[in-house]
Amino acid sequence: MPFRTRFRAFLRGLALPACVLFSASTAHAGPVDPPMELLYGKGNLLIVGTVAEVNPTGRVVFTRKEVLGGKPKPPALVDVGVPPSVLAAVKPGERYVVGYSAYRTNRKLNALVANLDGPTLLVSPGLEPALLRDTPVVRTLLKVGRSESGRESRRFRELLLGALKSGDPQLQNLAAGEIALNAEIRARIGEPELLQRVARDARAPLTTRALLLQAAAEHPEQLGTWWQAVATEIVTSTPVDGYSSASLDPSNLVMTAMDALDQQGKDVGGPALERWLRAANPALSERAALALRKQQSPQRERTAVREAIADPATPAATRQFLEAHLRRLDRLDAHPPTRTQGSH
């Protein structure tokens, strides 16, 4: 499965309302666009605006100051659906670059139609979400990256590398998304040591690290062969619990590392996988169980699952999943699937 299609899983991991996800998952059905291509894409609008009102129902009203991209010209007040993280972060009077769309794709008609929920913020890998501080660095990136020729320029690549080094989470995400999803940039970006350093940096955004890791695993000839060491380090040394907020939960990063290793035929190792059976995220626990079965043996999986269930430190939701998983294994043992007639 192509990287740009597979990384749609990150959208599902963002835990956003369905109406907010349409811009990346419906309005642009198919492979995920690089951030710049999405911001300037058909049906999307890019404005500079100040926060006029924050509505706890999930919408923010912006006073439009400038239009950077898209048609027709938006109204003076733009009411946009946003994820909960935005509601908690923005304050009246703050100034942002806002990427949004009022459309969705009607698949039967194969055309853009008005979104019944109204305009919503773009959300996609590299834009989580498309609400950027209005700074000179952001303006320069947007200006150079507006056109295809600009995105192919050496200047744009230099700006992306600078953004990765910046320590600004939004800029790092934007740069990682562009590098991972833009084949032209990926082939010419260079700097594998910098990419490795950011992917390994525990202070860097989790989505930034995962984007770079998955892209390098699929394109080591372009981005470097460092991905295997970093993926192994993530799976074996990332703490299993103790995260104070969803933004610090490494589940998606760890699953990306596991998937990268599995896709390239690299075993993680039993002890490392057994740690993640006790993860607070049942989906990550399931991923570890399946990897144990594949890389070790069904019996090793079953034994490790029983031990995790018996461990008082295993989170309640994960224990509940593991108990159900063990019952499924028991049913499979009692009633193994039969081969259809004529199969071999």
C-alpha atoms as a PDB file:
ATOM      1  CA  MET A   1       0.000   0.000   0.000  1.00  0.00           C
ATOM      2  CA  PRO A   2       1.476   3.414  -0.953  1.00  0.00           C
ATOM      3  CA  PHE A   3       2.737   5.554   1.903  1.00  0.00           C
ATOM      4  CA  ARG A   4       0.406   8.462   1.128  1.00  0.00           C
ATOM      5  CA  THR A   5      -2.574   6.115   1.371  1.00  0.00           C
ATOM      6  CA  ARG A   6      -1.373   4.242   4.468  1.00  0.00           C
ATOM      7  CA  PHE A   7      -0.781   7.419   6.403  1.00  0.00           C
ATOM      8  CA  ARG A   8      -4.508   8.108   6.393  1.00  0.00           C
ATOM      9  CA  ALA A   9      -4.413   6.014   9.576  1.00  0.00           C
ATOM     10  CA  PHE A  10      -2.983   9.064  11.308  1.00  0.00           C
ATOM     11  CA  LEU A  11      -6.229  10.871  10.686  1.00  0.00           C
ATOM     12  CA  ARG A  12      -8.108   8.155  12.525  1.00  0.00           C
ATOM     13  CA  GLY A  13      -5.671   8.499  15.407  1.00  0.00           C
ATOM     14  CA  LEU A  14      -6.344  12.188  15.854  1.00  0.00           C
ATOM     15  CA  ALA A  15      -9.688  11.543  17.613  1.00  0.00           C
ATOM     16  CA  LEU A  16     -11.419  14.427  15.833  1.00  0.00           C
ATOM     17  CA  PRO A  17     -15.116  14.900  15.121  1.00  0.00           C
ATOM     18  CA  ALA A  18     -16.183  13.397  11.795  1.00  0.00           C
ATOM     19  CA  CYS A  19     -17.157  16.812  10.450  1.00  0.00           C
ATOM     20  CA  VAL A  20     -13.611  18.070  10.981  1.00  0.00           C
ATOM     21  CA  LEU A  21     -11.976  15.148   9.216  1.00  0.00           C
ATOM     22  CA  PHE A  22     -13.768  15.628   5.907  1.00  0.00           C
ATOM     23  CA  SER A  23     -11.170  17.974   4.462  1.00  0.00           C
ATOM     24  CA  ALA A  24      -8.455  15.360   4.446  1.00  0.00           C
ATOM     25  CA  SER A  25     -10.453  12.166   4.256  1.00  0.00           C
ATOM     26  CA  THR A  26     -13.467  13.097   2.118  1.00  0.00           C
ATOM     27  CA  ALA A  27     -12.905  16.322   0.237  1.00  0.00           C
ATOM     28  CA  HIS A  28      -9.618  14.876  -0.976  1.00  0.00           C
ATOM     29  CA  ALA A  29     -10.513  11.215  -1.262  1.00  0.00           C
ATOM     30  CA  GLY A  30      -7.611   9.024  -2.294  1.00  0.00           C
ATOM     31  CA  PRO A  31      -3.938   9.450  -1.439  1.00  0.00           C
ATOM     32  CA  VAL A  32      -3.147  12.122   1.142  1.00  0.00           C
ATOM     33  CA  ASP A  33      -1.858  15.366  -0.357  1.00  0.00           C
ATOM     34  CA  PRO A  34       1.318  17.051   0.923  1.00  0.00           C
ATOM     35  CA  PRO A  35       0.512  20.013   3.189  1.00  0.00           C
ATOM     36  CA  MET A  36       1.207  22.778   0.659  1.00  0.00           C
ATOM     37  CA  GLU A  37      -0.732  21.047  -2.092  1.00  0.00           C
ATOM     38  CA  LEU A  38      -3.667  20.658   0.286  1.00  0.00           C
ATOM     39  CA  LEU A  39      -3.607  24.260   1.510  1.00  0.00           C
ATOM     40  CA  TYR A  40      -3.751  25.576  -2.052  1.00  0.00           C
ATOM     41  CA  GLY A  41      -5.943  22.759  -3.378  1.00  0.00           C
ATOM     42  CA  LYS A  42      -9.232  23.055  -5.212  1.00  0.00           C
ATOM     43  CA  GLY A  43     -12.118  24.041  -2.962  1.00  0.00           C
ATOM     44  CA  ASN A  44      -9.879  25.112  -0.084  1.00  0.00           C
ATOM     45  CA  LEU A  45      -9.301  28.595   1.323  1.00  0.00           C
ATOM     46  CA  LEU A  46      -6.296  30.043   3.098  1.00  0.00           C
ATOM     47  CA  ILE A  47      -6.740  33.237   5.088  1.00  0.00           C
ATOM     48  CA  VAL A  48      -5.107  35.286   7.797  1.00  0.00           C
ATOM     49  CA  GLY A  49      -7.576  36.056  10.548  1.00  0.00           C
ATOM     50  CA  THR A  50      -7.946  36.985  14.187  1.00  0.00           C
ATOM     51  CA  VAL A  51     -10.097  35.007  16.590  1.00  0.00           C
ATOM     52  CA  ALA A  52     -13.372  36.875  17.087  1.00  0.00           C
ATOM     53  CA  GLU A  53     -15.356  34.231  18.971  1.00  0.00           C
ATOM     54  CA  VAL A  54     -14.781  30.750  20.392  1.00  0.00           C
ATOM     55  CA  ASN A  55     -17.927  28.627  20.413  1.00  0.00           C
ATOM     56  CA  PRO A  56     -17.782  25.636  22.792  1.00  0.00           C
ATOM     57  CA  THR A  57     -19.931  23.621  20.364  1.00  0.00           C
ATOM     58  CA  GLY A  58     -16.810  23.190  18.216  1.00  0.00           C
ATOM     59  CA  ARG A  59     -16.542  26.291  16.064  1.00  0.00           C
ATOM     60  CA  VAL A  60     -14.352  29.395  15.967  1.00  0.00           C
ATOM     61  CA  VAL A  61     -15.196  32.662  14.213  1.00  0.00           C
ATOM     62  CA  PHE A  62     -12.273  34.469  12.571  1.00  0.00           C
ATOM     63  CA  THR A  63     -12.197  38.071  11.418  1.00  0.00           C
ATOM     64  CA  ARG A  64     -10.645  37.892   7.953  1.00  0.00           C
ATOM     65  CA  LYS A  65      -7.593  40.123   7.494  1.00  0.00           C
ATOM     66  CA  GLU A  66      -6.052  38.741   4.287  1.00  0.00           C
ATOM     67  CA  VAL A  67      -6.763  36.078   1.694  1.00  0.00           C
ATOM     68  CA  LEU A  68      -3.678  34.028   0.820  1.00  0.00           C
ATOM     69  CA  GLY A  69      -5.321  31.442  -1.405  1.00  0.00           C
ATOM     70  CA  GLY A  70      -8.594  30.148  -2.798  1.00  0.00           C
ATOM     71  CA  LYS A  71     -11.775  31.496  -4.356  1.00  0.00           C
ATOM     72  CA  PRO A  72     -14.318  32.994  -3.987  1.00  0.00           C
ATOM     73  CA  LYS A  73     -13.331  35.680  -1.531  1.00  0.00           C
ATOM     74  CA  PRO A  74     -14.588  34.627   1.926  1.00  0.00           C
ATOM     75  CA  PRO A  75     -16.835  36.828   4.092  1.00  0.00           C
ATOM     76  CA  ALA A  76     -15.488  39.261   6.660  1.00  0.00           C
ATOM     77  CA  LEU A  77     -16.350  36.801   9.437  1.00  0.00           C
ATOM     78  CA  VAL A  78     -15.448  33.148   8.815  1.00  0.00           C
ATOM     79  CA  ASP A  79     -17.131  30.519  11.023  1.00  0.00           C
ATOM     80  CA  VAL A  80     -15.036  27.320  11.013  1.00  0.00           C
ATOM     81  CA  GLY A  81     -15.513  23.919  12.622  1.00  0.00           C
ATOM     82  CA  VAL A  82     -12.444  22.932  14.655  1.00  0.00           C
ATOM     83  CA  PRO A  83     -11.167  19.987  16.737  1.00  0.00           C
ATOM     84  CA  PRO A  84     -11.352  20.155  20.565  1.00  0.00           C
ATOM     85  CA  SER A  85      -7.625  20.889  20.840  1.00  0.00           C
ATOM     86  CA  VAL A  86      -8.165  24.179  19.013  1.00  0.00           C
ATOM     87  CA  LEU A  87     -11.049  25.208  21.286  1.00  0.00           C
ATOM     88  CA  ALA A  88      -8.775  24.703  24.276  1.00  0.00           C
ATOM     89  CA  ALA A  89      -5.869  26.660  22.788  1.00  0.00           C
ATOM     90  CA  VAL A  90      -7.158  29.741  20.956  1.00  0.00           C
ATOM     91  CA  LYS A  91      -8.188  33.035  22.535  1.00  0.00           C
ATOM     92  CA  PRO A  92     -10.032  36.063  21.128  1.00  0.00           C
ATOM     93  CA  GLY A  93      -7.706  38.504  19.428  1.00  0.00           C
ATOM     94  CA  GLU A  94      -5.047  35.947  18.458  1.00  0.00           C
ATOM     95  CA  ARG A  95      -3.928  36.029  14.825  1.00  0.00           C
ATOM     96  CA  TYR A  96      -3.555  32.898  12.693  1.00  0.00           C
ATOM     97  CA  VAL A  97      -3.118  31.573   9.185  1.00  0.00           C
ATOM     98  CA  VAL A  98      -6.225  29.409   8.688  1.00  0.00           C
ATOM     99  CA  GLY A  99      -6.673  26.675   6.076  1.00  0.00           C
ATOM    100  CA  TYR A 100     -10.252  25.453   5.670  1.00  0.00           C
ATOM    101  CA  SER A 101     -12.831  24.217   3.209  1.00  0.00           C
ATOM    102  CA  ALA A 102     -16.592  24.539   2.829  1.00  0.00           C
ATOM    103  CA  TYR A 103     -16.814  21.507   0.544  1.00  0.00           C
ATOM    104  CA  ARG A 104     -16.808  17.746   0.574  1.00  0.00           C
ATOM    105  CA  THR A 105     -16.618  15.183  -2.203  1.00  0.00           C
ATOM    106  CA  ASN A 106     -19.816  13.573  -3.432  1.00  0.00           C
ATOM    107  CA  ARG A 107     -18.469  10.233  -4.600  1.00  0.00           C
ATOM    108  CA  LYS A 108     -21.514   9.393  -6.711  1.00  0.00           C
ATOM    109  CA  LEU A 109     -21.178  12.641  -8.618  1.00  0.00           C
ATOM    110  CA  ASN A 110     -17.358  12.678  -8.364  1.00  0.00           C
ATOM    111  CA  ALA A 111     -17.603  16.378  -7.568  1.00  0.00           C
ATOM    112  CA  LEU A 112     -17.199  18.840  -4.721  1.00  0.00           C
ATOM    113  CA  VAL A 113     -20.449  19.821  -3.006  1.00  0.00           C
ATOM    114  CA  ALA A 114     -21.213  22.146  -0.102  1.00  0.00           C
ATOM    115  CA  ASN A 115     -20.493  20.634   3.294  1.00  0.00           C
ATOM    116  CA  LEU A 116     -23.732  20.610   5.296  1.00  0.00           C
ATOM    117  CA  ASP A 117     -21.804  21.163   8.535  1.00  0.00           C
ATOM    118  CA  GLY A 118     -20.338  24.391   7.175  1.00  0.00           C
ATOM    119  CA  PRO A 119     -16.673  25.307   6.689  1.00  0.00           C
ATOM    120  CA  THR A 120     -14.220  23.141   8.623  1.00  0.00           C
ATOM    121  CA  LEU A 121     -10.532  23.364   9.364  1.00  0.00           C
ATOM    122  CA  LEU A 122      -8.240  21.251   7.198  1.00  0.00           C
ATOM    123  CA  VAL A 123      -6.695  18.353   9.102  1.00  0.00           C
ATOM    124  CA  SER A 124      -4.074  16.122   7.512  1.00  0.00           C
ATOM    125  CA  PRO A 125      -0.553  14.787   8.164  1.00  0.00           C
ATOM    126  CA  GLY A 126       1.649  17.864   8.459  1.00  0.00           C
ATOM    127  CA  LEU A 127      -1.396  20.013   9.269  1.00  0.00           C
ATOM    128  CA  GLU A 128      -2.776  18.865  12.610  1.00  0.00           C
ATOM    129  CA  PRO A 129      -4.662  21.115  12.123  1.00  0.00           C
ATOM    130  CA  ALA A 130      -4.157  23.861   9.503  1.00  0.00           C
ATOM    131  CA  LEU A 131      -4.114  26.640  12.080  1.00  0.00           C
ATOM    132  CA  LEU A 132      -0.670  28.254  12.063  1.00  0.00           C
ATOM    133  CA  ARG A 133       0.702  31.177  13.990  1.00  0.00           C
ATOM    134  CA  ASP A 134       1.043  34.164  11.677  1.00  0.00           C
ATOM    135  CA  THR A 135       4.830  34.518  11.772  1.00  0.00           C
ATOM    136  CA  PRO A 136       7.405  35.622   9.175  1.00  0.00           C
ATOM    137  CA  VAL A 137       8.703  32.040   8.882  1.00  0.00           C
ATOM    138  CA  VAL A 138       5.221  30.668   8.182  1.00  0.00           C
ATOM    139  CA  ARG A 139       4.536  33.439   5.654  1.00  0.00           C
ATOM    140  CA  THR A 140       7.788  32.704   3.819  1.00  0.00           C
ATOM    141  CA  LEU A 141       7.070  28.959   3.667  1.00  0.00           C
ATOM    142  CA  LEU A 142       3.589  29.613   2.323  1.00  0.00           C
ATOM    143  CA  LYS A 143       4.820  32.137  -0.234  1.00  0.00           C
ATOM    144  CA  VAL A 144       7.594  29.936  -1.619  1.00  0.00           C
ATOM    145  CA  GLY A 145       5.462  26.787  -1.452  1.00  0.00           C
ATOM    146  CA  ARG A 146       2.442  28.278  -3.177  1.00  0.00           C
ATOM    147  CA  SER A 147       3.419  27.142  -6.685  1.00  0.00           C
ATOM    148  CA  GLU A 148       4.723  23.860  -8.027  1.00  0.00           C
ATOM    149  CA  SER A 149       7.914  25.569  -9.218  1.00  0.00           C
ATOM    150  CA  GLY A 150       8.370  27.076  -5.763  1.00  0.00           C
ATOM    151  CA  ARG A 151       7.990  23.683  -4.092  1.00  0.00           C
ATOM    152  CA  GLU A 152      10.633  22.280  -6.438  1.00  0.00           C
ATOM    153  CA  SER A 153      13.133  25.015  -5.561  1.00  0.00           C
ATOM    154  CA  ARG A 154      16.245  24.678  -3.453  1.00  0.00           C
ATOM    155  CA  ARG A 155      14.977  27.583  -1.351  1.00  0.00           C
ATOM    156  CA  PHE A 156      11.876  25.616  -0.335  1.00  0.00           C
ATOM    157  CA  ARG A 157      13.946  22.601   0.696  1.00  0.00           C
ATOM    158  CA  GLU A 158      16.162  24.860   2.804  1.00  0.00           C
ATOM    159  CA  LEU A 159      13.099  26.314   4.483  1.00  0.00           C
ATOM    160  CA  LEU A 160      11.790  22.834   5.281  1.00  0.00           C
ATOM    161  CA  LEU A 161      15.092  21.789   6.837  1.00  0.00           C
ATOM    162  CA  GLY A 162      15.112  24.992   8.866  1.00  0.00           C
ATOM    163  CA  ALA A 163      11.576  24.257  10.058  1.00  0.00           C
ATOM    164  CA  LEU A 164      12.627  20.778  11.199  1.00  0.00           C
ATOM    165  CA  LYS A 165      15.411  22.334  13.288  1.00  0.00           C
ATOM    166  CA  SER A 166      13.197  25.078  14.694  1.00  0.00           C
ATOM    167  CA  GLY A 167      11.723  23.260  17.675  1.00  0.00           C
ATOM    168  CA  ASP A 168       8.336  24.763  16.749  1.00  0.00           C
ATOM    169  CA  PRO A 169       5.882  21.805  16.706  1.00  0.00           C
ATOM    170  CA  GLN A 170       3.697  23.263  13.958  1.00  0.00           C
ATOM    171  CA  LEU A 171       6.622  23.998  11.681  1.00  0.00           C
ATOM    172  CA  GLN A 172       8.190  20.612  12.357  1.00  0.00           C
ATOM    173  CA  ASN A 173       4.919  18.851  11.493  1.00  0.00           C
ATOM    174  CA  LEU A 174       4.501  20.894   8.334  1.00  0.00           C
ATOM    175  CA  ALA A 175       8.053  20.154   7.192  1.00  0.00           C
ATOM    176  CA  ALA A 176       7.834  16.441   8.007  1.00  0.00           C
ATOM    177  CA  GLY A 177       4.538  16.129   6.149  1.00  0.00           C
ATOM    178  CA  GLU A 178       5.943  17.836   3.065  1.00  0.00           C
ATOM    179  CA  ILE A 179       9.089  15.686   3.067  1.00  0.00           C
ATOM    180  CA  ALA A 180       7.179  12.447   3.634  1.00  0.00           C
ATOM    181  CA  LEU A 181       4.344  13.044   1.176  1.00  0.00           C
ATOM    182  CA  ASN A 182       5.999  15.019  -1.635  1.00  0.00           C
ATOM    183  CA  ALA A 183       7.983  12.575  -3.785  1.00  0.00           C
ATOM    184  CA  GLU A 184       9.960  15.332  -5.513  1.00  0.00           C
ATOM    185  CA  ILE A 185      11.119  16.837  -2.236  1.00  0.00           C
ATOM    186  CA  ARG A 186      11.759  13.453  -0.665  1.00  0.00           C
ATOM    187  CA  ALA A 187      14.105  12.534  -3.499  1.00  0.00           C
ATOM    188  CA  ARG A 188      16.149  15.739  -3.147  1.00  0.00           C
ATOM    189  CA  ILE A 189      15.960  16.720   0.519  1.00  0.00           C
ATOM    190  CA  GLY A 190      19.222  15.066   1.669  1.00  0.00           C
ATOM    191  CA  GLU A 191      20.336  15.612   5.301  1.00  0.00           C
ATOM    192  CA  PRO A 192      19.694  12.034   6.559  1.00  0.00           C
ATOM    193  CA  GLU A 193      21.471  12.811   9.843  1.00  0.00           C
ATOM    194  CA  LEU A 194      19.052  15.651  10.586  1.00  0.00           C
ATOM    195  CA  LEU A 195      16.041  13.494   9.731  1.00  0.00           C
ATOM    196  CA  GLN A 196      17.327  10.760  12.009  1.00  0.00           C
ATOM    197  CA  ARG A 197      17.965  13.214  14.835  1.00  0.00           C
ATOM    198  CA  VAL A 198      14.425  14.591  14.687  1.00  0.00           C
ATOM    199  CA  ALA A 199      12.824  11.136  14.397  1.00  0.00           C
ATOM    200  CA  ARG A 200      14.734  10.059  17.500  1.00  0.00           C
ATOM    201  CA  ASP A 201      14.131  13.234  19.508  1.00  0.00           C
ATOM    202  CA  ALA A 202      11.634  12.575  22.332  1.00  0.00           C
ATOM    203  CA  ARG A 203      10.909  16.333  22.449  1.00  0.00           C
ATOM    204  CA  ALA A 204       9.789  16.454  18.811  1.00  0.00           C
ATOM    205  CA  PRO A 205       6.075  16.088  17.965  1.00  0.00           C
ATOM    206  CA  LEU A 206       4.975  12.470  17.821  1.00  0.00           C
ATOM    207  CA  THR A 207       3.413  12.930  14.392  1.00  0.00           C
ATOM    208  CA  THR A 208       6.620  14.506  13.066  1.00  0.00           C
ATOM    209  CA  ARG A 209       8.654  11.536  14.242  1.00  0.00           C
ATOM    210  CA  ALA A 210       6.199   9.017  12.816  1.00  0.00           C
ATOM    211  CA  LEU A 211       6.027  10.752   9.433  1.00  0.00           C
ATOM    212  CA  LEU A 212       9.795  10.762   9.055  1.00  0.00           C
ATOM    213  CA  LEU A 213      10.160   7.198  10.327  1.00  0.00           C
ATOM    214  CA  GLN A 214       7.568   5.689   7.985  1.00  0.00           C
ATOM    215  CA  ALA A 215       8.862   7.641   4.997  1.00  0.00           C
ATOM    216  CA  ALA A 216      12.446   6.512   5.648  1.00  0.00           C
ATOM    217  CA  ALA A 217      11.372   2.892   6.094  1.00  0.00           C
ATOM    218  CA  GLU A 218       9.733   2.959   2.660  1.00  0.00           C
ATOM    219  CA  HIS A 219      12.395   5.088   0.953  1.00  0.00           C
ATOM    220  CA  PRO A 220      15.758   4.392   2.630  1.00  0.00           C
ATOM    221  CA  GLU A 221      17.575   5.087  -0.632  1.00  0.00           C
ATOM    222  CA  GLN A 222      16.333   8.692  -0.402  1.00  0.00           C
ATOM    223  CA  LEU A 223      16.103   9.421   3.317  1.00  0.00           C
ATOM    224  CA  GLY A 224      18.694   7.084   4.827  1.00  0.00           C
ATOM    225  CA  THR A 225      18.942   3.632   6.366  1.00  0.00           C
ATOM    226  CA  TRP A 226      18.698   4.896   9.956  1.00  0.00           C
ATOM    227  CA  TRP A 227      15.004   3.997  10.250  1.00  0.00           C
ATOM    228  CA  GLN A 228      15.508   0.426  11.561  1.00  0.00           C
ATOM    229  CA  ALA A 229      17.638   1.485  14.534  1.00  0.00           C
ATOM    230  CA  VAL A 230      15.225   4.285  15.409  1.00  0.00           C
ATOM    231  CA  ALA A 231      12.134   2.069  15.058  1.00  0.00           C
ATOM    232  CA  THR A 232      13.701  -0.590  17.268  1.00  0.00           C
ATOM    233  CA  GLU A 233      14.653   2.030  19.846  1.00  0.00           C
ATOM    234  CA  ILE A 234      11.088   3.402  19.905  1.00  0.00           C
ATOM    235  CA  VAL A 235       9.536  -0.029  20.455  1.00  0.00           C
ATOM    236  CA  THR A 236      12.041  -1.192  23.053  1.00  0.00           C
ATOM    237  CA  SER A 237      12.579   1.947  25.142  1.00  0.00           C
ATOM    238  CA  THR A 238       9.477   4.166  24.976  1.00  0.00           C
ATOM    239  CA  PRO A 239       7.705   4.103  28.371  1.00  0.00           C
ATOM    240  CA  VAL A 240       4.437   2.160  28.282  1.00  0.00           C
ATOM    241  CA  ASP A 241       2.440   4.467  30.548  1.00  0.00           C
ATOM    242  CA  GLY A 242       2.542   7.679  32.544  1.00  0.00           C
ATOM    243  CA  TYR A 243       1.298  10.104  29.869  1.00  0.00           C
ATOM    244  CA  SER A 244      -0.515  13.142  31.217  1.00  0.00           C
ATOM    245  CA  SER A 245      -2.461  13.955  28.044  1.00  0.00           C
ATOM    246  CA  ALA A 246      -3.523  12.489  24.718  1.00  0.00           C
ATOM    247  CA  SER A 247      -0.993  14.687  22.920  1.00  0.00           C
ATOM    248  CA  LEU A 248       1.806  12.839  24.729  1.00  0.00           C
ATOM    249  CA  ASP A 249       0.430   9.333  24.099  1.00  0.00           C
ATOM    250  CA  PRO A 250       2.975   7.565  21.835  1.00  0.00           C
ATOM    251  CA  SER A 251       0.606   4.833  20.621  1.00  0.00           C
ATOM    252  CA  ASN A 252       0.540   5.920  16.971  1.00  0.00           C
ATOM    253  CA  LEU A 253       4.315   6.369  16.913  1.00  0.00           C
ATOM    254  CA  VAL A 254       4.940   2.934  18.439  1.00  0.00           C
ATOM    255  CA  MET A 255       2.503   1.272  16.037  1.00  0.00           C
ATOM    256  CA  THR A 256       4.201   3.048  13.134  1.00  0.00           C
ATOM    257  CA  ALA A 257       7.551   1.678  14.325  1.00  0.00           C
ATOM    258  CA  MET A 258       6.109  -1.838  14.706  1.00  0.00           C
ATOM    259  CA  ASP A 259       4.529  -1.687  11.254  1.00  0.00           C
ATOM    260  CA  ALA A 260       7.724  -0.411   9.640  1.00  0.00           C
ATOM    261  CA  LEU A 261       9.747  -3.248  11.137  1.00  0.00           C
ATOM    262  CA  ASP A 262       7.116  -5.829  10.213  1.00  0.00           C
ATOM    263  CA  GLN A 263       6.779  -4.588   6.619  1.00  0.00           C
ATOM    264  CA  GLN A 264      10.502  -4.927   6.138  1.00  0.00           C
ATOM    265  CA  GLY A 265      10.621  -8.381   7.757  1.00  0.00           C
ATOM    266  CA  LYS A 266      12.455  -7.246  10.902  1.00  0.00           C
ATOM    267  CA  ASP A 267      11.519  -8.939  14.192  1.00  0.00           C
ATOM    268  CA  VAL A 268      10.932  -6.699  17.184  1.00  0.00           C
ATOM    269  CA  GLY A 269      11.670  -9.325  19.823  1.00  0.00           C
ATOM    270  CA  GLY A 270       9.389 -11.021  22.345  1.00  0.00           C
ATOM    271  CA  PRO A 271      10.223  -9.000  25.490  1.00  0.00           C
ATOM    272  CA  ALA A 272       9.662  -5.671  23.724  1.00  0.00           C
ATOM    273  CA  LEU A 273       6.300  -6.784  22.377  1.00  0.00           C
ATOM    274  CA  GLU A 274       5.192  -8.164  25.732  1.00  0.00           C
ATOM    275  CA  ARG A 275       5.687  -4.713  27.279  1.00  0.00           C
ATOM    276  CA  TRP A 276       3.118  -3.239  24.915  1.00  0.00           C
ATOM    277  CA  LEU A 277       0.460  -5.812  25.802  1.00  0.00           C
ATOM    278  CA  ARG A 278       0.029  -3.618  28.903  1.00  0.00           C
ATOM    279  CA  ALA A 279      -0.391  -0.370  26.950  1.00  0.00           C
ATOM    280  CA  ALA A 280      -3.227   1.963  27.897  1.00  0.00           C
ATOM    281  CA  ASN A 281      -4.348   1.910  24.257  1.00  0.00           C
ATOM    282  CA  PRO A 282      -6.051  -1.455  23.490  1.00  0.00           C
ATOM    283  CA  ALA A 283      -5.290  -1.032  19.771  1.00  0.00           C
ATOM    284  CA  LEU A 284      -1.577  -0.981  20.562  1.00  0.00           C
ATOM    285  CA  SER A 285      -2.003  -3.991  22.844  1.00  0.00           C
ATOM    286  CA  GLU A 286      -3.701  -5.856  19.992  1.00  0.00           C
ATOM    287  CA  ARG A 287      -0.908  -4.889  17.585  1.00  0.00           C
ATOM    288  CA  ALA A 288       1.665  -6.292  20.024  1.00  0.00           C
ATOM    289  CA  ALA A 289      -0.318  -9.535  20.442  1.00  0.00           C
ATOM    290  CA  LEU A 290      -0.547 -10.094  16.695  1.00  0.00           C
ATOM    291  CA  ALA A 291       3.173  -9.421  16.301  1.00  0.00           C
ATOM    292  CA  LEU A 292       3.955 -11.918  19.062  1.00  0.00           C
ATOM    293  CA  ARG A 293       1.947 -14.569  17.250  1.00  0.00           C
ATOM    294  CA  LYS A 294       3.628 -13.862  13.928  1.00  0.00           C
ATOM    295  CA  GLN A 295       7.216 -13.368  15.110  1.00  0.00           C
ATOM    296  CA  GLN A 296       7.299 -15.832  18.016  1.00  0.00           C
ATOM    297  CA  SER A 297       4.459 -18.375  18.185  1.00  0.00           C
ATOM    298  CA  PRO A 298       0.737 -18.653  19.016  1.00  0.00           C
ATOM    299  CA  GLN A 299       1.673 -20.257  22.332  1.00  0.00           C
ATOM    300  CA  ARG A 300       4.011 -17.372  23.225  1.00  0.00           C
ATOM    301  CA  GLU A 301       1.197 -14.944  22.434  1.00  0.00           C
ATOM    302  CA  ARG A 302      -1.285 -16.830  24.607  1.00  0.00           C
ATOM    303  CA  THR A 303       1.107 -17.092  27.563  1.00  0.00           C
ATOM    304  CA  ALA A 304       2.048 -13.417  27.377  1.00  0.00           C
ATOM    305  CA  VAL A 305      -1.616 -12.371  27.162  1.00  0.00           C
ATOM    306  CA  ARG A 306      -2.445 -14.391  30.294  1.00  0.00           C
ATOM    307  CA  GLU A 307       0.452 -12.791  32.146  1.00  0.00           C
ATOM    308  CA  ALA A 308      -0.675  -9.309  31.124  1.00  0.00           C
ATOM    309  CA  ILE A 309      -4.234 -10.036  32.302  1.00  0.00           C
ATOM    310  CA  ALA A 310      -2.906 -11.169  35.665  1.00  0.00           C
ATOM    311  CA  ASP A 311      -0.681  -8.103  36.033  1.00  0.00           C
ATOM    312  CA  PRO A 312      -2.412  -5.547  38.334  1.00  0.00           C
ATOM    313  CA  ALA A 313      -0.614  -2.730  36.488  1.00  0.00           C
ATOM    314  CA  THR A 314      -2.431  -3.496  33.228  1.00  0.00           C
ATOM    315  CA  PRO A 315      -5.030  -0.751  32.587  1.00  0.00           C
ATOM    316  CA  ALA A 316      -8.649  -1.860  32.997  1.00  0.00           C
ATOM    317  CA  ALA A 317      -9.661  -1.174  29.388  1.00  0.00           C
ATOM    318  CA  THR A 318      -6.662  -3.115  28.095  1.00  0.00           C
ATOM    319  CA  ARG A 319      -7.328  -6.016  30.464  1.00  0.00           C
ATOM    320  CA  GLN A 320     -10.911  -6.146  29.193  1.00  0.00           C
ATOM    321  CA  PHE A 321      -9.667  -6.271  25.596  1.00  0.00           C
ATOM    322  CA  LEU A 322      -7.103  -8.973  26.391  1.00  0.00           C
ATOM    323  CA  GLU A 323      -9.718 -11.137  28.122  1.00  0.00           C
ATOM    324  CA  ALA A 324     -11.919 -10.897  25.021  1.00  0.00           C
ATOM    325  CA  HIS A 325      -8.889 -11.587  22.814  1.00  0.00           C
ATOM    326  CA  LEU A 326      -8.074 -14.710  24.826  1.00  0.00           C
ATOM    327  CA  ARG A 327     -11.664 -15.924  24.439  1.00  0.00           C
ATOM    328  CA  ARG A 328     -11.348 -15.478  20.676  1.00  0.00           C
ATOM    329  CA  LEU A 329      -8.183 -17.551  20.689  1.00  0.00           C
ATOM    330  CA  ASP A 330      -9.982 -20.272  22.683  1.00  0.00           C
ATOM    331  CA  ARG A 331     -12.826 -20.323  20.150  1.00  0.00           C
ATOM    332  CA  LEU A 332     -10.354 -20.593  17.273  1.00  0.00           C
ATOM    333  CA  ASP A 333      -8.663 -23.534  18.981  1.00  0.00           C
ATOM    334  CA  ALA A 334     -12.009 -25.245  19.576  1.00  0.00           C
ATOM    335  CA  HIS A 335     -13.309 -24.562  16.055  1.00  0.00           C
ATOM    336  CA  PRO A 336     -10.386 -24.049  13.666  1.00  0.00           C
ATOM    337  CA  PRO A 337     -11.343 -22.674  10.251  1.00  0.00           C
ATOM    338  CA  THR A 338     -11.851 -25.389   7.632  1.00  0.00           C
ATOM    339  CA  ARG A 339     -10.434 -25.252   4.155  1.00  0.00           C
ATOM    340  CA  THR A 340     -12.925 -24.780   1.365  1.00  0.00           C
ATOM    341  CA  GLN A 341     -13.405 -27.619  -1.056  1.00  0.00           C
ATOM    342  CA  GLY A 342     -10.701 -27.689  -3.670  1.00  0.00           C
ATOM    343  CA  SER A 343      -8.251 -25.575  -1.634  1.00  0.00           C
ATOM    344  CA  HIS A 344      -4.731 -26.748  -0.941  1.00  0.00           C
END
